[in-house]
Amino acid sequence: MPIDATLPYDDDNVFAKILRGEIPSDKVYEDEWAYAFNDIAPQAPTHVLVIPKGKYVSWDDFSARASDAEIGGFVRAVGKIAREAGLVEPGYRLLANVGADSGQEVPHLHVHIFAGRPLGRMVAQ
């Protein structure tokens, strides 16, 4: 069920539980700022979720409240994950849903990395 990205952070969301080690995940990467894992229902051959370690509901929340170090560390982590996975060539897609109209389902900022096949248009005509 899509969420309202303006809601306060929910410490019981599934990604918060993954960060606390309460729910297992297939870890791809971890550093001081970010945690990345393979999606349990992949939409492409490569489908990695990257989440910041801080408590942020969405991209707008993160960009407004996170420190410069958190923002820089998270953005760099996303790029590093793509490079280390060999996704730069032939290409990959980043997607971050925000709010109900986008279909955001978990109220913790997360970036999807899709790759491994031609992905087609971003939005259906």
PDB file of N, CA and C in Angstrom:
ATOM      1  N   MET A   1       0.844  -1.186   0.000  1.00  0.00           N
ATOM      2  CA  MET A   1       0.000   0.000   0.000  1.00  0.00           C
ATOM      3  C   MET A   1       0.885   1.243   0.000  1.00  0.00           C
ATOM      4  N   PRO A   2       0.686   2.163  -0.926  1.00  0.00           N
ATOM      5  CA  PRO A   2       1.498   3.371  -0.982  1.00  0.00           C
ATOM      6  C   PRO A   2       1.363   4.196   0.301  1.00  0.00           C
ATOM      7  N   ILE A   3       2.417   4.934   0.601  1.00  0.00           N
ATOM      8  CA  ILE A   3       2.427   5.730   1.824  1.00  0.00           C
ATOM      9  C   ILE A   3       2.455   7.215   1.490  1.00  0.00           C
ATOM     10  N   ASP A   4       2.120   8.022   2.482  1.00  0.00           N
ATOM     11  CA  ASP A   4       2.203   9.468   2.392  1.00  0.00           C
ATOM     12  C   ASP A   4       3.590   9.868   2.878  1.00  0.00           C
ATOM     13  N   ALA A   5       4.426  10.406   1.976  1.00  0.00           N
ATOM     14  CA  ALA A   5       5.818  10.719   2.302  1.00  0.00           C
ATOM     15  C   ALA A   5       5.952  11.847   3.312  1.00  0.00           C
ATOM     16  N   THR A   6       4.847  12.507   3.661  1.00  0.00           N
ATOM     17  CA  THR A   6       4.921  13.578   4.654  1.00  0.00           C
ATOM     18  C   THR A   6       4.721  13.052   6.070  1.00  0.00           C
ATOM     19  N   LEU A   7       4.429  11.772   6.206  1.00  0.00           N
ATOM     20  CA  LEU A   7       4.231  11.189   7.532  1.00  0.00           C
ATOM     21  C   LEU A   7       5.548  11.140   8.293  1.00  0.00           C
ATOM     22  N   PRO A   8       5.487  11.122   9.623  1.00  0.00           N
ATOM     23  CA  PRO A   8       6.721  10.969  10.398  1.00  0.00           C
ATOM     24  C   PRO A   8       7.326   9.580  10.168  1.00  0.00           C
ATOM     25  N   TYR A   9       8.616   9.466  10.441  1.00  0.00           N
ATOM     26  CA  TYR A   9       9.316   8.205  10.268  1.00  0.00           C
ATOM     27  C   TYR A   9       8.729   7.144  11.195  1.00  0.00           C
ATOM     28  N   ASP A  10       8.545   5.932  10.681  1.00  0.00           N
ATOM     29  CA  ASP A  10       8.006   4.804  11.443  1.00  0.00           C
ATOM     30  C   ASP A  10       9.142   3.823  11.733  1.00  0.00           C
ATOM     31  N   ASP A  11       9.540   3.721  13.002  1.00  0.00           N
ATOM     32  CA  ASP A  11      10.638   2.822  13.390  1.00  0.00           C
ATOM     33  C   ASP A  11      10.332   1.347  13.158  1.00  0.00           C
ATOM     34  N   ASP A  12       9.087   1.017  12.861  1.00  0.00           N
ATOM     35  CA  ASP A  12       8.716  -0.372  12.625  1.00  0.00           C
ATOM     36  C   ASP A  12       8.645  -0.728  11.138  1.00  0.00           C
ATOM     37  N   ASN A  13       9.078   0.171  10.245  1.00  0.00           N
ATOM     38  CA  ASN A  13       9.037  -0.174   8.825  1.00  0.00           C
ATOM     39  C   ASN A  13      10.060  -1.269   8.534  1.00  0.00           C
ATOM     40  N   VAL A  14       9.835  -2.001   7.471  1.00  0.00           N
ATOM     41  CA  VAL A  14      10.647  -3.176   7.154  1.00  0.00           C
ATOM     42  C   VAL A  14      12.130  -2.832   6.968  1.00  0.00           C
ATOM     43  N   PHE A  15      12.440  -1.663   6.399  1.00  0.00           N
ATOM     44  CA  PHE A  15      13.848  -1.318   6.190  1.00  0.00           C
ATOM     45  C   PHE A  15      14.529  -0.952   7.508  1.00  0.00           C
ATOM     46  N   ALA A  16      13.803  -0.342   8.427  1.00  0.00           N
ATOM     47  CA  ALA A  16      14.361  -0.080   9.759  1.00  0.00           C
ATOM     48  C   ALA A  16      14.682  -1.407  10.448  1.00  0.00           C
ATOM     49  N   LYS A  17      13.806  -2.382  10.289  1.00  0.00           N
ATOM     50  CA  LYS A  17      14.035  -3.704  10.884  1.00  0.00           C
ATOM     51  C   LYS A  17      15.236  -4.398  10.239  1.00  0.00           C
ATOM     52  N   ILE A  18      15.416  -4.222   8.933  1.00  0.00           N
ATOM     53  CA  ILE A  18      16.594  -4.780   8.259  1.00  0.00           C
ATOM     54  C   ILE A  18      17.855  -4.115   8.804  1.00  0.00           C
ATOM     55  N   LEU A  19      17.835  -2.799   8.947  1.00  0.00           N
ATOM     56  CA  LEU A  19      19.003  -2.087   9.478  1.00  0.00           C
ATOM     57  C   LEU A  19      19.359  -2.553  10.892  1.00  0.00           C
ATOM     58  N   ARG A  20      18.347  -2.886  11.681  1.00  0.00           N
ATOM     59  CA  ARG A  20      18.592  -3.349  13.055  1.00  0.00           C
ATOM     60  C   ARG A  20      18.927  -4.837  13.115  1.00  0.00           C
ATOM     61  N   GLY A  21      18.880  -5.536  11.989  1.00  0.00           N
ATOM     62  CA  GLY A  21      19.190  -6.963  11.948  1.00  0.00           C
ATOM     63  C   GLY A  21      18.044  -7.843  12.403  1.00  0.00           C
ATOM     64  N   GLU A  22      16.838  -7.294  12.486  1.00  0.00           N
ATOM     65  CA  GLU A  22      15.665  -8.064  12.916  1.00  0.00           C
ATOM     66  C   GLU A  22      15.067  -8.883  11.785  1.00  0.00           C
ATOM     67  N   ILE A  23      15.325  -8.473  10.548  1.00  0.00           N
ATOM     68  CA  ILE A  23      14.857  -9.176   9.358  1.00  0.00           C
ATOM     69  C   ILE A  23      16.091  -9.431   8.490  1.00  0.00           C
ATOM     70  N   PRO A  24      16.271 -10.652   8.000  1.00  0.00           N
ATOM     71  CA  PRO A  24      17.449 -10.934   7.170  1.00  0.00           C
ATOM     72  C   PRO A  24      17.345 -10.263   5.798  1.00  0.00           C
ATOM     73  N   SER A  25      18.496 -10.022   5.196  1.00  0.00           N
ATOM     74  CA  SER A  25      18.539  -9.483   3.840  1.00  0.00           C
ATOM     75  C   SER A  25      19.787 -10.034   3.149  1.00  0.00           C
ATOM     76  N   ASP A  26      19.779  -9.989   1.839  1.00  0.00           N
ATOM     77  CA  ASP A  26      20.906 -10.436   1.028  1.00  0.00           C
ATOM     78  C   ASP A  26      21.791  -9.219   0.767  1.00  0.00           C
ATOM     79  N   LYS A  27      22.696  -8.924   1.712  1.00  0.00           N
ATOM     80  CA  LYS A  27      23.504  -7.704   1.673  1.00  0.00           C
ATOM     81  C   LYS A  27      24.435  -7.695   0.469  1.00  0.00           C
ATOM     82  N   VAL A  28      24.451  -6.527  -0.189  1.00  0.00           N
ATOM     83  CA  VAL A  28      25.324  -6.274  -1.325  1.00  0.00           C
ATOM     84  C   VAL A  28      26.452  -5.329  -0.912  1.00  0.00           C
ATOM     85  N   TYR A  29      26.148  -4.386  -0.009  1.00  0.00           N
ATOM     86  CA  TYR A  29      27.105  -3.337   0.350  1.00  0.00           C
ATOM     87  C   TYR A  29      26.681  -2.711   1.670  1.00  0.00           C
ATOM     88  N   GLU A  30      27.691  -2.255   2.420  1.00  0.00           N
ATOM     89  CA  GLU A  30      27.402  -1.495   3.631  1.00  0.00           C
ATOM     90  C   GLU A  30      28.585  -0.602   3.942  1.00  0.00           C
ATOM     91  N   ASP A  31      28.294   0.620   4.342  1.00  0.00           N
ATOM     92  CA  ASP A  31      29.305   1.529   4.857  1.00  0.00           C
ATOM     93  C   ASP A  31      28.661   2.378   5.958  1.00  0.00           C
ATOM     94  N   GLU A  32      29.311   3.440   6.337  1.00  0.00           N
ATOM     95  CA  GLU A  32      28.822   4.294   7.420  1.00  0.00           C
ATOM     96  C   GLU A  32      27.470   4.930   7.116  1.00  0.00           C
ATOM     97  N   TRP A  33      27.199   5.180   5.818  1.00  0.00           N
ATOM     98  CA  TRP A  33      26.022   5.957   5.425  1.00  0.00           C
ATOM     99  C   TRP A  33      24.903   5.155   4.787  1.00  0.00           C
ATOM    100  N   ALA A  34      25.229   4.004   4.212  1.00  0.00           N
ATOM    101  CA  ALA A  34      24.249   3.287   3.394  1.00  0.00           C
ATOM    102  C   ALA A  34      24.325   1.786   3.613  1.00  0.00           C
ATOM    103  N   TYR A  35      23.200   1.149   3.327  1.00  0.00           N
ATOM    104  CA  TYR A  35      23.097  -0.305   3.348  1.00  0.00           C
ATOM    105  C   TYR A  35      22.383  -0.692   2.066  1.00  0.00           C
ATOM    106  N   ALA A  36      22.899  -1.697   1.359  1.00  0.00           N
ATOM    107  CA  ALA A  36      22.290  -2.132   0.099  1.00  0.00           C
ATOM    108  C   ALA A  36      22.086  -3.631   0.114  1.00  0.00           C
ATOM    109  N   PHE A  37      20.975  -4.059  -0.476  1.00  0.00           N
ATOM    110  CA  PHE A  37      20.632  -5.479  -0.503  1.00  0.00           C
ATOM    111  C   PHE A  37      19.811  -5.783  -1.741  1.00  0.00           C
ATOM    112  N   ASN A  38      19.822  -7.051  -2.147  1.00  0.00           N
ATOM    113  CA  ASN A  38      19.031  -7.481  -3.294  1.00  0.00           C
ATOM    114  C   ASN A  38      17.557  -7.484  -2.931  1.00  0.00           C
ATOM    115  N   ASP A  39      16.735  -6.983  -3.863  1.00  0.00           N
ATOM    116  CA  ASP A  39      15.287  -6.959  -3.665  1.00  0.00           C
ATOM    117  C   ASP A  39      14.754  -8.388  -3.627  1.00  0.00           C
ATOM    118  N   ILE A  40      13.803  -8.654  -2.737  1.00  0.00           N
ATOM    119  CA  ILE A  40      13.245 -10.012  -2.631  1.00  0.00           C
ATOM    120  C   ILE A  40      12.280 -10.349  -3.766  1.00  0.00           C
ATOM    121  N   ALA A  41      11.821  -9.325  -4.491  1.00  0.00           N
ATOM    122  CA  ALA A  41      10.944  -9.537  -5.648  1.00  0.00           C
ATOM    123  C   ALA A  41      11.508  -8.729  -6.820  1.00  0.00           C
ATOM    124  N   PRO A  42      12.642  -9.164  -7.379  1.00  0.00           N
ATOM    125  CA  PRO A  42      13.322  -8.354  -8.389  1.00  0.00           C
ATOM    126  C   PRO A  42      12.487  -8.097  -9.632  1.00  0.00           C
ATOM    127  N   GLN A  43      12.599  -6.857 -10.129  1.00  0.00           N
ATOM    128  CA  GLN A  43      11.898  -6.447 -11.346  1.00  0.00           C
ATOM    129  C   GLN A  43      12.827  -6.421 -12.557  1.00  0.00           C
ATOM    130  N   ALA A  44      14.090  -6.779 -12.353  1.00  0.00           N
ATOM    131  CA  ALA A  44      15.102  -6.870 -13.418  1.00  0.00           C
ATOM    132  C   ALA A  44      16.143  -7.879 -12.939  1.00  0.00           C
ATOM    133  N   PRO A  45      17.001  -8.376 -13.838  1.00  0.00           N
ATOM    134  CA  PRO A  45      18.022  -9.326 -13.397  1.00  0.00           C
ATOM    135  C   PRO A  45      18.864  -8.810 -12.231  1.00  0.00           C
ATOM    136  N   THR A  46      19.192  -7.523 -12.246  1.00  0.00           N
ATOM    137  CA  THR A  46      19.818  -6.882 -11.094  1.00  0.00           C
ATOM    138  C   THR A  46      18.811  -5.899 -10.529  1.00  0.00           C
ATOM    139  N   HIS A  47      18.477  -6.060  -9.255  1.00  0.00           N
ATOM    140  CA  HIS A  47      17.548  -5.144  -8.588  1.00  0.00           C
ATOM    141  C   HIS A  47      18.007  -5.011  -7.137  1.00  0.00           C
ATOM    142  N   VAL A  48      18.751  -3.937  -6.894  1.00  0.00           N
ATOM    143  CA  VAL A  48      19.333  -3.678  -5.587  1.00  0.00           C
ATOM    144  C   VAL A  48      18.620  -2.489  -4.963  1.00  0.00           C
ATOM    145  N   LEU A  49      18.343  -2.578  -3.673  1.00  0.00           N
ATOM    146  CA  LEU A  49      17.787  -1.457  -2.914  1.00  0.00           C
ATOM    147  C   LEU A  49      18.910  -0.858  -2.075  1.00  0.00           C
ATOM    148  N   VAL A  50      19.033   0.456  -2.114  1.00  0.00           N
ATOM    149  CA  VAL A  50      20.031   1.168  -1.322  1.00  0.00           C
ATOM    150  C   VAL A  50      19.282   2.094  -0.376  1.00  0.00           C
ATOM    151  N   ILE A  51      19.565   1.955   0.921  1.00  0.00           N
ATOM    152  CA  ILE A  51      18.881   2.774   1.920  1.00  0.00           C
ATOM    153  C   ILE A  51      19.908   3.522   2.772  1.00  0.00           C
ATOM    154  N   PRO A  52      19.571   4.757   3.143  1.00  0.00           N
ATOM    155  CA  PRO A  52      20.445   5.451   4.080  1.00  0.00           C
ATOM    156  C   PRO A  52      20.267   4.855   5.472  1.00  0.00           C
ATOM    157  N   LYS A  53      21.292   4.969   6.297  1.00  0.00           N
ATOM    158  CA  LYS A  53      21.198   4.440   7.656  1.00  0.00           C
ATOM    159  C   LYS A  53      20.415   5.356   8.580  1.00  0.00           C
ATOM    160  N   GLY A  54      20.214   6.597   8.170  1.00  0.00           N
ATOM    161  CA  GLY A  54      19.416   7.532   8.964  1.00  0.00           C
ATOM    162  C   GLY A  54      17.934   7.325   8.761  1.00  0.00           C
ATOM    163  N   LYS A  55      17.151   7.956   9.625  1.00  0.00           N
ATOM    164  CA  LYS A  55      15.694   7.811   9.616  1.00  0.00           C
ATOM    165  C   LYS A  55      15.055   8.883   8.729  1.00  0.00           C
ATOM    166  N   TYR A  56      14.910   8.547   7.437  1.00  0.00           N
ATOM    167  CA  TYR A  56      14.333   9.470   6.467  1.00  0.00           C
ATOM    168  C   TYR A  56      13.221   8.765   5.704  1.00  0.00           C
ATOM    169  N   VAL A  57      12.085   9.426   5.570  1.00  0.00           N
ATOM    170  CA  VAL A  57      10.925   8.834   4.908  1.00  0.00           C
ATOM    171  C   VAL A  57      11.098   8.817   3.389  1.00  0.00           C
ATOM    172  N   SER A  58      11.659   9.885   2.837  1.00  0.00           N
ATOM    173  CA  SER A  58      11.678  10.040   1.381  1.00  0.00           C
ATOM    174  C   SER A  58      12.832  10.934   0.959  1.00  0.00           C
ATOM    175  N   TRP A  59      12.986  11.083  -0.365  1.00  0.00           N
ATOM    176  CA  TRP A  59      14.073  11.903  -0.892  1.00  0.00           C
ATOM    177  C   TRP A  59      13.941  13.347  -0.423  1.00  0.00           C
ATOM    178  N   ASP A  60      12.742  13.904  -0.431  1.00  0.00           N
ATOM    179  CA  ASP A  60      12.589  15.299  -0.007  1.00  0.00           C
ATOM    180  C   ASP A  60      12.897  15.454   1.481  1.00  0.00           C
ATOM    181  N   ASP A  61      12.513  14.487   2.292  1.00  0.00           N
ATOM    182  CA  ASP A  61      12.823  14.494   3.720  1.00  0.00           C
ATOM    183  C   ASP A  61      14.340  14.430   3.918  1.00  0.00           C
ATOM    184  N   PHE A  62      14.988  13.530   3.219  1.00  0.00           N
ATOM    185  CA  PHE A  62      16.436  13.340   3.301  1.00  0.00           C
ATOM    186  C   PHE A  62      17.179  14.613   2.886  1.00  0.00           C
ATOM    187  N   SER A  63      16.793  15.186   1.750  1.00  0.00           N
ATOM    188  CA  SER A  63      17.491  16.366   1.244  1.00  0.00           C
ATOM    189  C   SER A  63      17.286  17.583   2.143  1.00  0.00           C
ATOM    190  N   ALA A  64      16.179  17.609   2.887  1.00  0.00           N
ATOM    191  CA  ALA A  64      15.902  18.739   3.788  1.00  0.00           C
ATOM    192  C   ALA A  64      16.568  18.579   5.150  1.00  0.00           C
ATOM    193  N   ARG A  65      16.681  17.349   5.658  1.00  0.00           N
ATOM    194  CA  ARG A  65      17.126  17.162   7.041  1.00  0.00           C
ATOM    195  C   ARG A  65      18.487  16.498   7.215  1.00  0.00           C
ATOM    196  N   ALA A  66      18.961  15.766   6.236  1.00  0.00           N
ATOM    197  CA  ALA A  66      20.235  15.049   6.386  1.00  0.00           C
ATOM    198  C   ALA A  66      21.407  16.025   6.353  1.00  0.00           C
ATOM    199  N   SER A  67      22.483  15.632   7.005  1.00  0.00           N
ATOM    200  CA  SER A  67      23.699  16.444   6.970  1.00  0.00           C
ATOM    201  C   SER A  67      24.350  16.326   5.596  1.00  0.00           C
ATOM    202  N   ASP A  68      25.240  17.272   5.305  1.00  0.00           N
ATOM    203  CA  ASP A  68      25.979  17.198   4.048  1.00  0.00           C
ATOM    204  C   ASP A  68      26.764  15.893   3.957  1.00  0.00           C
ATOM    205  N   ALA A  69      27.318  15.447   5.081  1.00  0.00           N
ATOM    206  CA  ALA A  69      28.078  14.182   5.091  1.00  0.00           C
ATOM    207  C   ALA A  69      27.171  13.000   4.774  1.00  0.00           C
ATOM    208  N   GLU A  70      25.959  12.977   5.337  1.00  0.00           N
ATOM    209  CA  GLU A  70      25.022  11.881   5.052  1.00  0.00           C
ATOM    210  C   GLU A  70      24.626  11.872   3.582  1.00  0.00           C
ATOM    211  N   ILE A  71      24.310  13.043   3.046  1.00  0.00           N
ATOM    212  CA  ILE A  71      23.894  13.134   1.644  1.00  0.00           C
ATOM    213  C   ILE A  71      25.042  12.701   0.732  1.00  0.00           C
ATOM    214  N   GLY A  72      26.215  13.257   0.961  1.00  0.00           N
ATOM    215  CA  GLY A  72      27.366  12.891   0.135  1.00  0.00           C
ATOM    216  C   GLY A  72      27.705  11.424   0.238  1.00  0.00           C
ATOM    217  N   GLY A  73      27.687  10.894   1.456  1.00  0.00           N
ATOM    218  CA  GLY A  73      28.007   9.485   1.659  1.00  0.00           C
ATOM    219  C   GLY A  73      27.012   8.567   0.988  1.00  0.00           C
ATOM    220  N   PHE A  74      25.728   8.902   1.078  1.00  0.00           N
ATOM    221  CA  PHE A  74      24.693   8.067   0.469  1.00  0.00           C
ATOM    222  C   PHE A  74      24.790   8.095  -1.056  1.00  0.00           C
ATOM    223  N   VAL A  75      24.900   9.280  -1.627  1.00  0.00           N
ATOM    224  CA  VAL A  75      24.983   9.400  -3.088  1.00  0.00           C
ATOM    225  C   VAL A  75      26.228   8.680  -3.606  1.00  0.00           C
ATOM    226  N   ARG A  76      27.343   8.844  -2.914  1.00  0.00           N
ATOM    227  CA  ARG A  76      28.572   8.146  -3.335  1.00  0.00           C
ATOM    228  C   ARG A  76      28.414   6.630  -3.231  1.00  0.00           C
ATOM    229  N   ALA A  77      27.711   6.168  -2.207  1.00  0.00           N
ATOM    230  CA  ALA A  77      27.490   4.725  -2.049  1.00  0.00           C
ATOM    231  C   ALA A  77      26.696   4.164  -3.228  1.00  0.00           C
ATOM    232  N   VAL A  78      25.660   4.875  -3.662  1.00  0.00           N
ATOM    233  CA  VAL A  78      24.861   4.406  -4.800  1.00  0.00           C
ATOM    234  C   VAL A  78      25.752   4.255  -6.028  1.00  0.00           C
ATOM    235  N   GLY A  79      26.573   5.240  -6.313  1.00  0.00           N
ATOM    236  CA  GLY A  79      27.485   5.158  -7.459  1.00  0.00           C
ATOM    237  C   GLY A  79      28.497   4.037  -7.316  1.00  0.00           C
ATOM    238  N   LYS A  80      29.039   3.869  -6.129  1.00  0.00           N
ATOM    239  CA  LYS A  80      30.035   2.817  -5.897  1.00  0.00           C
ATOM    240  C   LYS A  80      29.425   1.435  -6.109  1.00  0.00           C
ATOM    241  N   ILE A  81      28.217   1.235  -5.627  1.00  0.00           N
ATOM    242  CA  ILE A  81      27.530  -0.051  -5.800  1.00  0.00           C
ATOM    243  C   ILE A  81      27.366  -0.356  -7.287  1.00  0.00           C
ATOM    244  N   ALA A  82      26.926   0.635  -8.067  1.00  0.00           N
ATOM    245  CA  ALA A  82      26.744   0.434  -9.508  1.00  0.00           C
ATOM    246  C   ALA A  82      28.072   0.130 -10.189  1.00  0.00           C
ATOM    247  N   ARG A  83      29.110   0.875  -9.839  1.00  0.00           N
ATOM    248  CA  ARG A  83      30.430   0.631 -10.459  1.00  0.00           C
ATOM    249  C   ARG A  83      30.957  -0.749 -10.101  1.00  0.00           C
ATOM    250  N   GLU A  84      30.916  -1.094  -8.809  1.00  0.00           N
ATOM    251  CA  GLU A  84      31.466  -2.379  -8.376  1.00  0.00           C
ATOM    252  C   GLU A  84      30.706  -3.570  -8.940  1.00  0.00           C
ATOM    253  N   ALA A  85      29.434  -3.372  -9.259  1.00  0.00           N
ATOM    254  CA  ALA A  85      28.639  -4.451  -9.857  1.00  0.00           C
ATOM    255  C   ALA A  85      28.820  -4.516 -11.375  1.00  0.00           C
ATOM    256  N   GLY A  86      29.589  -3.593 -11.944  1.00  0.00           N
ATOM    257  CA  GLY A  86      29.814  -3.589 -13.384  1.00  0.00           C
ATOM    258  C   GLY A  86      28.615  -3.121 -14.182  1.00  0.00           C
ATOM    259  N   LEU A  87      27.823  -2.223 -13.621  1.00  0.00           N
ATOM    260  CA  LEU A  87      26.579  -1.802 -14.267  1.00  0.00           C
ATOM    261  C   LEU A  87      26.705  -0.554 -15.129  1.00  0.00           C
ATOM    262  N   VAL A  88      27.824   0.158 -15.026  1.00  0.00           N
ATOM    263  CA  VAL A  88      27.957   1.424 -15.745  1.00  0.00           C
ATOM    264  C   VAL A  88      27.811   1.222 -17.252  1.00  0.00           C
ATOM    265  N   GLU A  89      28.392   0.156 -17.759  1.00  0.00           N
ATOM    266  CA  GLU A  89      28.239  -0.186 -19.167  1.00  0.00           C
ATOM    267  C   GLU A  89      27.624  -1.576 -19.225  1.00  0.00           C
ATOM    268  N   PRO A  90      26.480  -1.822 -19.768  1.00  0.00           N
ATOM    269  CA  PRO A  90      25.765  -0.996 -20.727  1.00  0.00           C
ATOM    270  C   PRO A  90      24.770  -0.012 -20.115  1.00  0.00           C
ATOM    271  N   GLY A  91      24.612   0.020 -18.803  1.00  0.00           N
ATOM    272  CA  GLY A  91      23.744   1.016 -18.195  1.00  0.00           C
ATOM    273  C   GLY A  91      22.845   0.451 -17.116  1.00  0.00           C
ATOM    274  N   TYR A  92      22.289   1.357 -16.334  1.00  0.00           N
ATOM    275  CA  TYR A  92      21.392   0.990 -15.245  1.00  0.00           C
ATOM    276  C   TYR A  92      20.417   2.129 -15.005  1.00  0.00           C
ATOM    277  N   ARG A  93      19.393   1.869 -14.229  1.00  0.00           N
ATOM    278  CA  ARG A  93      18.385   2.871 -13.890  1.00  0.00           C
ATOM    279  C   ARG A  93      18.333   3.023 -12.379  1.00  0.00           C
ATOM    280  N   LEU A  94      18.204   4.277 -11.932  1.00  0.00           N
ATOM    281  CA  LEU A  94      17.939   4.578 -10.532  1.00  0.00           C
ATOM    282  C   LEU A  94      16.499   5.040 -10.413  1.00  0.00           C
ATOM    283  N   LEU A  95      15.833   4.620  -9.343  1.00  0.00           N
ATOM    284  CA  LEU A  95      14.454   5.027  -9.112  1.00  0.00           C
ATOM    285  C   LEU A  95      14.245   5.217  -7.626  1.00  0.00           C
ATOM    286  N   ALA A  96      13.675   6.350  -7.260  1.00  0.00           N
ATOM    287  CA  ALA A  96      13.283   6.601  -5.873  1.00  0.00           C
ATOM    288  C   ALA A  96      11.855   7.122  -5.890  1.00  0.00           C
ATOM    289  N   ASN A  97      10.924   6.328  -5.410  1.00  0.00           N
ATOM    290  CA  ASN A  97       9.526   6.732  -5.336  1.00  0.00           C
ATOM    291  C   ASN A  97       9.306   7.588  -4.098  1.00  0.00           C
ATOM    292  N   VAL A  98       8.461   8.612  -4.234  1.00  0.00           N
ATOM    293  CA  VAL A  98       8.145   9.487  -3.111  1.00  0.00           C
ATOM    294  C   VAL A  98       6.634   9.674  -3.047  1.00  0.00           C
ATOM    295  N   GLY A  99       6.029   9.162  -1.991  1.00  0.00           N
ATOM    296  CA  GLY A  99       4.608   9.388  -1.759  1.00  0.00           C
ATOM    297  C   GLY A  99       3.673   8.431  -2.470  1.00  0.00           C
ATOM    298  N   ALA A 100       2.397   8.630  -2.181  1.00  0.00           N
ATOM    299  CA  ALA A 100       1.350   7.730  -2.649  1.00  0.00           C
ATOM    300  C   ALA A 100       1.232   7.672  -4.169  1.00  0.00           C
ATOM    301  N   ASP A 101       1.285   8.823  -4.847  1.00  0.00           N
ATOM    302  CA  ASP A 101       1.109   8.817  -6.303  1.00  0.00           C
ATOM    303  C   ASP A 101       2.225   8.077  -7.026  1.00  0.00           C
ATOM    304  N   SER A 102       3.398   7.971  -6.420  1.00  0.00           N
ATOM    305  CA  SER A 102       4.509   7.265  -7.064  1.00  0.00           C
ATOM    306  C   SER A 102       4.483   5.774  -6.776  1.00  0.00           C
ATOM    307  N   GLY A 103       3.727   5.375  -5.757  1.00  0.00           N
ATOM    308  CA  GLY A 103       3.687   3.970  -5.373  1.00  0.00           C
ATOM    309  C   GLY A 103       4.687   3.602  -4.291  1.00  0.00           C
ATOM    310  N   GLN A 104       5.223   4.598  -3.559  1.00  0.00           N
ATOM    311  CA  GLN A 104       6.146   4.283  -2.470  1.00  0.00           C
ATOM    312  C   GLN A 104       5.434   3.397  -1.452  1.00  0.00           C
ATOM    313  N   GLU A 105       6.043   2.250  -1.142  1.00  0.00           N
ATOM    314  CA  GLU A 105       5.414   1.286  -0.246  1.00  0.00           C
ATOM    315  C   GLU A 105       6.042   1.229   1.133  1.00  0.00           C
ATOM    316  N   VAL A 106       7.314   1.595   1.257  1.00  0.00           N
ATOM    317  CA  VAL A 106       8.001   1.539   2.542  1.00  0.00           C
ATOM    318  C   VAL A 106       8.396   2.963   2.929  1.00  0.00           C
ATOM    319  N   PRO A 107       8.016   3.420   4.121  1.00  0.00           N
ATOM    320  CA  PRO A 107       8.295   4.794   4.520  1.00  0.00           C
ATOM    321  C   PRO A 107       9.719   4.992   5.036  1.00  0.00           C
ATOM    322  N   HIS A 108      10.687   4.553   4.242  1.00  0.00           N
ATOM    323  CA  HIS A 108      12.114   4.785   4.493  1.00  0.00           C
ATOM    324  C   HIS A 108      12.708   5.039   3.119  1.00  0.00           C
ATOM    325  N   LEU A 109      13.428   6.157   2.959  1.00  0.00           N
ATOM    326  CA  LEU A 109      14.027   6.452   1.663  1.00  0.00           C
ATOM    327  C   LEU A 109      14.776   5.232   1.146  1.00  0.00           C
ATOM    328  N   HIS A 110      14.553   4.922  -0.109  1.00  0.00           N
ATOM    329  CA  HIS A 110      15.301   3.852  -0.755  1.00  0.00           C
ATOM    330  C   HIS A 110      15.407   4.139  -2.247  1.00  0.00           C
ATOM    331  N   VAL A 111      16.559   3.784  -2.776  1.00  0.00           N
ATOM    332  CA  VAL A 111      16.819   3.935  -4.201  1.00  0.00           C
ATOM    333  C   VAL A 111      16.922   2.536  -4.790  1.00  0.00           C
ATOM    334  N   HIS A 112      16.173   2.315  -5.856  1.00  0.00           N
ATOM    335  CA  HIS A 112      16.256   1.056  -6.594  1.00  0.00           C
ATOM    336  C   HIS A 112      17.334   1.206  -7.654  1.00  0.00           C
ATOM    337  N   ILE A 113      18.179   0.200  -7.804  1.00  0.00           N
ATOM    338  CA  ILE A 113      19.112   0.116  -8.924  1.00  0.00           C
ATOM    339  C   ILE A 113      18.658  -1.072  -9.768  1.00  0.00           C
ATOM    340  N   PHE A 114      18.257  -0.787 -11.015  1.00  0.00           N
ATOM    341  CA  PHE A 114      17.810  -1.813 -11.950  1.00  0.00           C
ATOM    342  C   PHE A 114      18.838  -1.956 -13.062  1.00  0.00           C
ATOM    343  N   ALA A 115      19.126  -3.185 -13.463  1.00  0.00           N
ATOM    344  CA  ALA A 115      20.057  -3.413 -14.579  1.00  0.00           C
ATOM    345  C   ALA A 115      19.963  -4.863 -15.027  1.00  0.00           C
ATOM    346  N   GLY A 116      20.753  -5.184 -16.047  1.00  0.00           N
ATOM    347  CA  GLY A 116      20.857  -6.570 -16.498  1.00  0.00           C
ATOM    348  C   GLY A 116      20.097  -6.894 -17.756  1.00  0.00           C
ATOM    349  N   ARG A 117      19.352  -5.931 -18.277  1.00  0.00           N
ATOM    350  CA  ARG A 117      18.624  -6.101 -19.545  1.00  0.00           C
ATOM    351  C   ARG A 117      18.169  -4.723 -19.989  1.00  0.00           C
ATOM    352  N   PRO A 118      17.802  -4.556 -21.274  1.00  0.00           N
ATOM    353  CA  PRO A 118      17.227  -3.277 -21.696  1.00  0.00           C
ATOM    354  C   PRO A 118      15.944  -3.045 -20.888  1.00  0.00           C
ATOM    355  N   LEU A 119      15.832  -1.868 -20.311  1.00  0.00           N
ATOM    356  CA  LEU A 119      14.720  -1.583 -19.391  1.00  0.00           C
ATOM    357  C   LEU A 119      13.543  -0.861 -20.019  1.00  0.00           C
ATOM    358  N   GLY A 120      13.698  -0.392 -21.232  1.00  0.00           N
ATOM    359  CA  GLY A 120      12.570   0.275 -21.895  1.00  0.00           C
ATOM    360  C   GLY A 120      12.324   1.670 -21.345  1.00  0.00           C
ATOM    361  N   ARG A 121      11.185   2.208 -21.704  1.00  0.00           N
ATOM    362  CA  ARG A 121      10.812   3.560 -21.275  1.00  0.00           C
ATOM    363  C   ARG A 121      10.547   3.599 -19.774  1.00  0.00           C
ATOM    364  N   MET A 122      10.796   4.743 -19.188  1.00  0.00           N
ATOM    365  CA  MET A 122      10.568   4.886 -17.736  1.00  0.00           C
ATOM    366  C   MET A 122       9.081   4.953 -17.408  1.00  0.00           C
ATOM    367  N   VAL A 123       8.335   5.684 -18.200  1.00  0.00           N
ATOM    368  CA  VAL A 123       6.912   5.852 -17.940  1.00  0.00           C
ATOM    369  C   VAL A 123       6.163   5.471 -19.206  1.00  0.00           C
ATOM    370  N   ALA A 124       5.170   4.608 -19.052  1.00  0.00           N
ATOM    371  CA  ALA A 124       4.392   4.178 -20.216  1.00  0.00           C
ATOM    372  C   ALA A 124       3.682   5.363 -20.849  1.00  0.00           C
ATOM    373  N   GLN A 125       3.620   5.354 -22.168  1.00  0.00           N
ATOM    374  CA  GLN A 125       2.934   6.435 -22.893  1.00  0.00           C
ATOM    375  C   GLN A 125       1.439   6.226 -22.847  1.00  0.00           C
TER     376      GLN A 125
END
